[in-house]
N, C-alpha and C. Protein backbone atom coordinates (compact mmCIF):
# COMPACT_ATOMS: atom_id res chain seq x y z
N ALA A 1 -48.87 23.00 -54.45
CA ALA A 1 -47.43 23.48 -53.82
C ALA A 1 -47.54 23.08 -52.30
N VAL A 2 -46.46 22.24 -51.69
CA VAL A 2 -46.36 22.29 -50.26
C VAL A 2 -45.18 22.07 -49.77
N GLU A 3 -45.44 22.99 -48.38
CA GLU A 3 -44.24 23.97 -48.10
C GLU A 3 -44.16 23.18 -46.45
N GLY A 4 -42.58 23.38 -46.38
CA GLY A 4 -42.26 22.47 -44.46
C GLY A 4 -41.09 22.90 -44.44
N SER A 5 -40.52 22.66 -43.35
CA SER A 5 -39.01 23.21 -43.07
C SER A 5 -38.60 21.76 -42.05
N ILE A 6 -37.22 21.67 -42.83
CA ILE A 6 -36.34 20.57 -41.39
C ILE A 6 -35.74 20.76 -41.21
N MET A 7 -35.16 20.72 -39.30
CA MET A 7 -33.98 21.62 -38.90
C MET A 7 -33.50 19.99 -38.40
N ILE A 8 -31.98 19.97 -38.96
CA ILE A 8 -31.31 18.90 -37.99
C ILE A 8 -30.15 19.64 -36.92
N THR A 9 -30.75 19.19 -35.78
CA THR A 9 -29.46 20.03 -34.44
C THR A 9 -29.20 18.86 -33.77
N ASP A 10 -28.70 19.26 -32.56
CA ASP A 10 -28.26 18.10 -31.65
C ASP A 10 -29.24 18.18 -30.49
N ASP A 11 -28.74 17.22 -29.59
CA ASP A 11 -29.40 16.74 -28.36
C ASP A 11 -29.80 17.96 -27.74
N ASP A 12 -28.95 18.86 -27.41
CA ASP A 12 -29.12 19.55 -26.37
C ASP A 12 -30.20 21.21 -27.16
N GLU A 13 -30.35 21.00 -28.36
CA GLU A 13 -31.22 22.19 -28.84
C GLU A 13 -32.76 21.35 -28.78
N ILE A 14 -32.77 20.07 -29.04
CA ILE A 14 -34.00 19.46 -29.12
C ILE A 14 -34.29 18.81 -27.92
N GLN A 15 -33.61 18.68 -26.69
CA GLN A 15 -34.21 18.58 -25.25
C GLN A 15 -34.89 20.35 -25.01
N ASN A 16 -34.14 21.44 -25.29
CA ASN A 16 -34.59 22.44 -25.32
C ASN A 16 -36.13 22.82 -25.72
N LEU A 17 -36.13 22.42 -26.88
CA LEU A 17 -37.38 22.95 -27.75
C LEU A 17 -38.65 21.94 -26.89
N ASN A 18 -38.18 20.37 -26.30
CA ASN A 18 -39.06 19.55 -25.92
C ASN A 18 -39.45 19.52 -24.55
N SER A 19 -38.38 20.24 -23.70
CA SER A 19 -38.84 21.04 -22.73
C SER A 19 -39.84 22.14 -22.61
N THR A 20 -39.81 23.18 -23.44
CA THR A 20 -40.55 24.13 -23.53
C THR A 20 -41.41 24.28 -24.30
N TRP A 21 -42.23 23.38 -25.38
CA TRP A 21 -43.35 22.96 -25.96
C TRP A 21 -44.17 21.98 -25.47
N ARG A 22 -43.39 20.53 -24.93
CA ARG A 22 -44.02 19.52 -24.70
C ARG A 22 -43.46 19.34 -22.95
N GLY A 23 -43.11 20.19 -22.22
CA GLY A 23 -42.43 19.84 -20.77
C GLY A 23 -41.84 18.19 -20.39
N ILE A 24 -41.11 18.11 -21.63
CA ILE A 24 -40.27 16.93 -21.08
C ILE A 24 -38.80 17.26 -21.46
N ASN A 25 -38.22 17.55 -20.09
CA ASN A 25 -36.93 17.85 -20.36
C ASN A 25 -35.73 16.08 -20.61
N ARG A 26 -36.03 16.00 -21.66
CA ARG A 26 -34.76 15.30 -22.25
C ARG A 26 -35.19 15.31 -23.83
N PRO A 27 -33.88 14.75 -24.40
CA PRO A 27 -33.75 14.91 -26.09
C PRO A 27 -34.73 13.70 -26.54
N THR A 28 -35.21 14.07 -27.77
CA THR A 28 -35.92 12.63 -28.32
C THR A 28 -35.76 13.20 -29.73
N ASP A 29 -35.79 11.93 -30.37
CA ASP A 29 -35.39 11.92 -32.09
C ASP A 29 -35.95 12.85 -32.62
N VAL A 30 -37.47 13.09 -32.69
CA VAL A 30 -38.10 13.70 -33.65
C VAL A 30 -38.88 15.08 -33.15
N LEU A 31 -39.01 16.18 -33.59
CA LEU A 31 -40.37 16.88 -33.19
C LEU A 31 -41.06 17.29 -34.39
N SER A 32 -42.35 17.58 -34.24
CA SER A 32 -43.08 18.52 -35.46
C SER A 32 -44.05 19.24 -34.84
N PHE A 33 -43.91 20.84 -35.55
CA PHE A 33 -44.52 21.96 -35.08
C PHE A 33 -45.62 22.04 -36.23
N PRO A 34 -46.92 22.03 -36.48
CA PRO A 34 -47.99 22.10 -37.21
C PRO A 34 -47.77 23.50 -37.60
N ASN A 35 -48.15 24.24 -39.02
CA ASN A 35 -48.17 25.80 -39.44
C ASN A 35 -49.29 26.22 -38.44
N GLY A 36 -50.77 25.68 -38.63
CA GLY A 36 -51.73 26.30 -38.28
C GLY A 36 -52.68 26.66 -39.85
N GLU A 37 -52.91 27.69 -39.62
CA GLU A 37 -53.12 28.84 -40.92
C GLU A 37 -52.22 28.99 -42.04
N ASN A 38 -52.57 29.45 -42.83
CA ASN A 38 -51.96 29.80 -44.25
C ASN A 38 -52.15 31.22 -44.04
N PRO A 39 -51.13 32.17 -44.21
CA PRO A 39 -51.56 33.58 -44.81
C PRO A 39 -52.23 33.94 -45.86
N PRO A 40 -53.04 34.79 -45.48
CA PRO A 40 -54.10 35.14 -46.87
C PRO A 40 -53.62 35.21 -48.07
N GLY A 41 -53.80 34.92 -49.06
CA GLY A 41 -53.33 34.92 -50.33
C GLY A 41 -52.30 34.19 -50.44
N TYR A 42 -51.66 33.35 -49.61
CA TYR A 42 -50.57 32.30 -50.08
C TYR A 42 -50.93 30.99 -50.54
N HIS A 43 -50.74 30.93 -51.52
CA HIS A 43 -51.22 29.20 -52.36
C HIS A 43 -50.52 27.86 -52.08
N ALA A 44 -49.41 27.93 -51.53
CA ALA A 44 -48.79 26.83 -51.46
C ALA A 44 -49.24 26.47 -49.53
N MET A 45 -49.42 24.71 -49.46
CA MET A 45 -49.85 24.22 -48.25
C MET A 45 -48.65 24.36 -47.44
N VAL A 46 -48.60 25.21 -46.42
CA VAL A 46 -47.21 25.26 -45.15
C VAL A 46 -47.97 23.95 -44.39
N LEU A 47 -46.87 22.94 -44.03
CA LEU A 47 -47.36 21.89 -43.20
C LEU A 47 -46.71 22.53 -42.12
N GLY A 48 -45.48 22.94 -41.80
CA GLY A 48 -45.30 23.13 -40.02
C GLY A 48 -43.38 23.05 -40.30
N ASP A 49 -42.87 22.58 -39.29
CA ASP A 49 -41.39 22.31 -39.21
C ASP A 49 -41.42 21.35 -38.38
N ILE A 50 -40.65 20.52 -38.94
CA ILE A 50 -39.78 19.13 -38.70
C ILE A 50 -38.21 19.61 -37.88
N ILE A 51 -38.04 18.79 -36.42
CA ILE A 51 -36.80 19.03 -35.85
C ILE A 51 -36.14 17.39 -35.55
N ILE A 52 -35.15 17.67 -36.02
CA ILE A 52 -34.69 15.91 -35.76
C ILE A 52 -32.97 16.24 -34.91
N SER A 53 -32.81 15.16 -33.89
CA SER A 53 -31.55 15.26 -33.68
C SER A 53 -30.62 14.55 -34.01
N ALA A 54 -29.60 14.81 -34.79
CA ALA A 54 -28.79 14.17 -34.95
C ALA A 54 -27.96 13.01 -34.40
N ARG A 55 -27.96 13.42 -33.23
CA ARG A 55 -26.97 12.79 -32.60
C ARG A 55 -27.98 10.86 -31.91
N THR A 56 -29.36 11.43 -31.60
CA THR A 56 -30.03 10.11 -31.14
C THR A 56 -30.54 10.03 -32.47
N ALA A 57 -30.67 10.44 -34.12
CA ALA A 57 -30.27 9.91 -34.50
C ALA A 57 -29.18 8.41 -35.49
N GLU A 58 -28.11 8.96 -34.92
CA GLU A 58 -27.34 8.30 -34.88
C GLU A 58 -27.09 6.98 -33.84
N LYS A 59 -27.28 7.30 -32.66
CA LYS A 59 -27.41 6.44 -31.94
C LYS A 59 -28.69 5.29 -32.11
N GLN A 60 -30.04 5.55 -32.20
CA GLN A 60 -30.89 4.89 -32.66
C GLN A 60 -30.60 3.96 -34.22
N ALA A 61 -29.83 4.45 -35.22
CA ALA A 61 -29.48 3.56 -36.17
C ALA A 61 -28.29 2.51 -35.94
N LYS A 62 -27.51 2.49 -35.14
CA LYS A 62 -26.72 1.62 -34.43
C LYS A 62 -27.26 0.59 -33.50
N GLU A 63 -28.67 1.14 -32.82
CA GLU A 63 -29.13 0.40 -32.18
C GLU A 63 -30.25 -0.43 -32.92
N ARG A 64 -30.66 0.13 -34.33
CA ARG A 64 -31.43 -0.81 -35.01
C ARG A 64 -30.84 -1.46 -36.57
N GLY A 65 -29.88 -1.14 -36.28
CA GLY A 65 -28.57 -2.04 -37.34
C GLY A 65 -29.16 -1.73 -38.76
N HIS A 66 -29.10 0.06 -38.76
CA HIS A 66 -28.99 0.28 -40.06
C HIS A 66 -28.25 1.44 -39.90
N ASP A 67 -27.69 2.28 -41.33
CA ASP A 67 -27.20 3.68 -41.31
C ASP A 67 -28.13 4.53 -40.92
N VAL A 68 -27.15 5.87 -40.85
CA VAL A 68 -28.15 6.87 -40.18
C VAL A 68 -28.67 7.71 -40.85
N GLN A 69 -28.42 7.66 -42.68
CA GLN A 69 -29.45 7.84 -43.38
C GLN A 69 -30.92 7.59 -43.47
N THR A 70 -30.50 6.50 -43.29
CA THR A 70 -31.94 5.28 -43.19
C THR A 70 -32.59 5.84 -42.29
N GLU A 71 -32.20 5.59 -40.60
CA GLU A 71 -33.15 6.32 -39.68
C GLU A 71 -33.13 7.75 -39.68
N LEU A 72 -31.91 8.72 -40.61
CA LEU A 72 -32.39 10.22 -40.62
C LEU A 72 -34.32 10.22 -41.66
N ARG A 73 -34.14 9.42 -42.79
CA ARG A 73 -35.26 9.11 -43.50
C ARG A 73 -36.71 8.91 -42.76
N ILE A 74 -36.38 7.49 -41.81
CA ILE A 74 -37.99 7.13 -41.10
C ILE A 74 -38.33 8.22 -40.05
N LEU A 75 -37.38 9.12 -39.66
CA LEU A 75 -37.92 10.34 -38.41
C LEU A 75 -38.19 11.28 -39.39
N LEU A 76 -37.67 11.68 -40.72
CA LEU A 76 -38.45 12.44 -41.62
C LEU A 76 -39.92 12.24 -41.96
N VAL A 77 -40.11 10.92 -41.82
CA VAL A 77 -41.22 10.32 -42.72
C VAL A 77 -42.37 10.96 -40.59
N HIS A 78 -41.60 10.14 -40.20
CA HIS A 78 -42.42 9.97 -38.87
C HIS A 78 -42.92 11.87 -38.18
N GLY A 79 -41.78 12.41 -38.81
CA GLY A 79 -42.19 13.91 -38.60
C GLY A 79 -43.50 14.55 -39.17
N LEU A 80 -43.12 13.80 -40.68
CA LEU A 80 -43.95 14.47 -41.72
C LEU A 80 -45.33 13.74 -41.40
N LEU A 81 -45.76 12.38 -40.77
CA LEU A 81 -46.90 12.23 -40.84
C LEU A 81 -47.72 12.60 -39.36
N HIS A 82 -46.81 13.41 -38.93
CA HIS A 82 -47.55 13.75 -37.48
C HIS A 82 -48.05 15.56 -37.72
N LEU A 83 -47.27 15.57 -38.84
CA LEU A 83 -47.86 17.11 -39.53
C LEU A 83 -48.89 17.14 -40.09
N LEU A 84 -49.20 15.91 -40.86
CA LEU A 84 -50.34 15.37 -41.32
C LEU A 84 -51.61 14.94 -40.43
N ASP A 85 -51.33 14.89 -39.27
CA ASP A 85 -52.19 14.78 -37.85
C ASP A 85 -52.76 13.43 -37.99
N TYR A 86 -51.29 12.59 -38.05
CA TYR A 86 -51.23 11.17 -37.68
C TYR A 86 -50.91 11.17 -36.06
N ASP A 87 -51.34 10.31 -35.40
CA ASP A 87 -50.69 10.36 -34.34
C ASP A 87 -50.74 8.90 -33.68
N HIS A 88 -49.48 8.72 -32.59
CA HIS A 88 -49.39 7.30 -32.01
C HIS A 88 -50.03 7.08 -30.73
């Protein structure tokens, strides 16, 4: 089993998180926070948290010529890849 959390939020909240955890005081599209170690005896692989800005996703969808659902899927996969330790 694999477990993780996904939060869809606004630009203000993701900017606050981006500033607190990355020292970058501006909104971003997606943030990923890996879990680290699983609690003893917990058999699911807990990947961590993915936070996506709905407003930024809307803007990027328009810029890229697709619908917001497609953009949200792209950002979800992007965040998931970071949780799996891929970087760019």
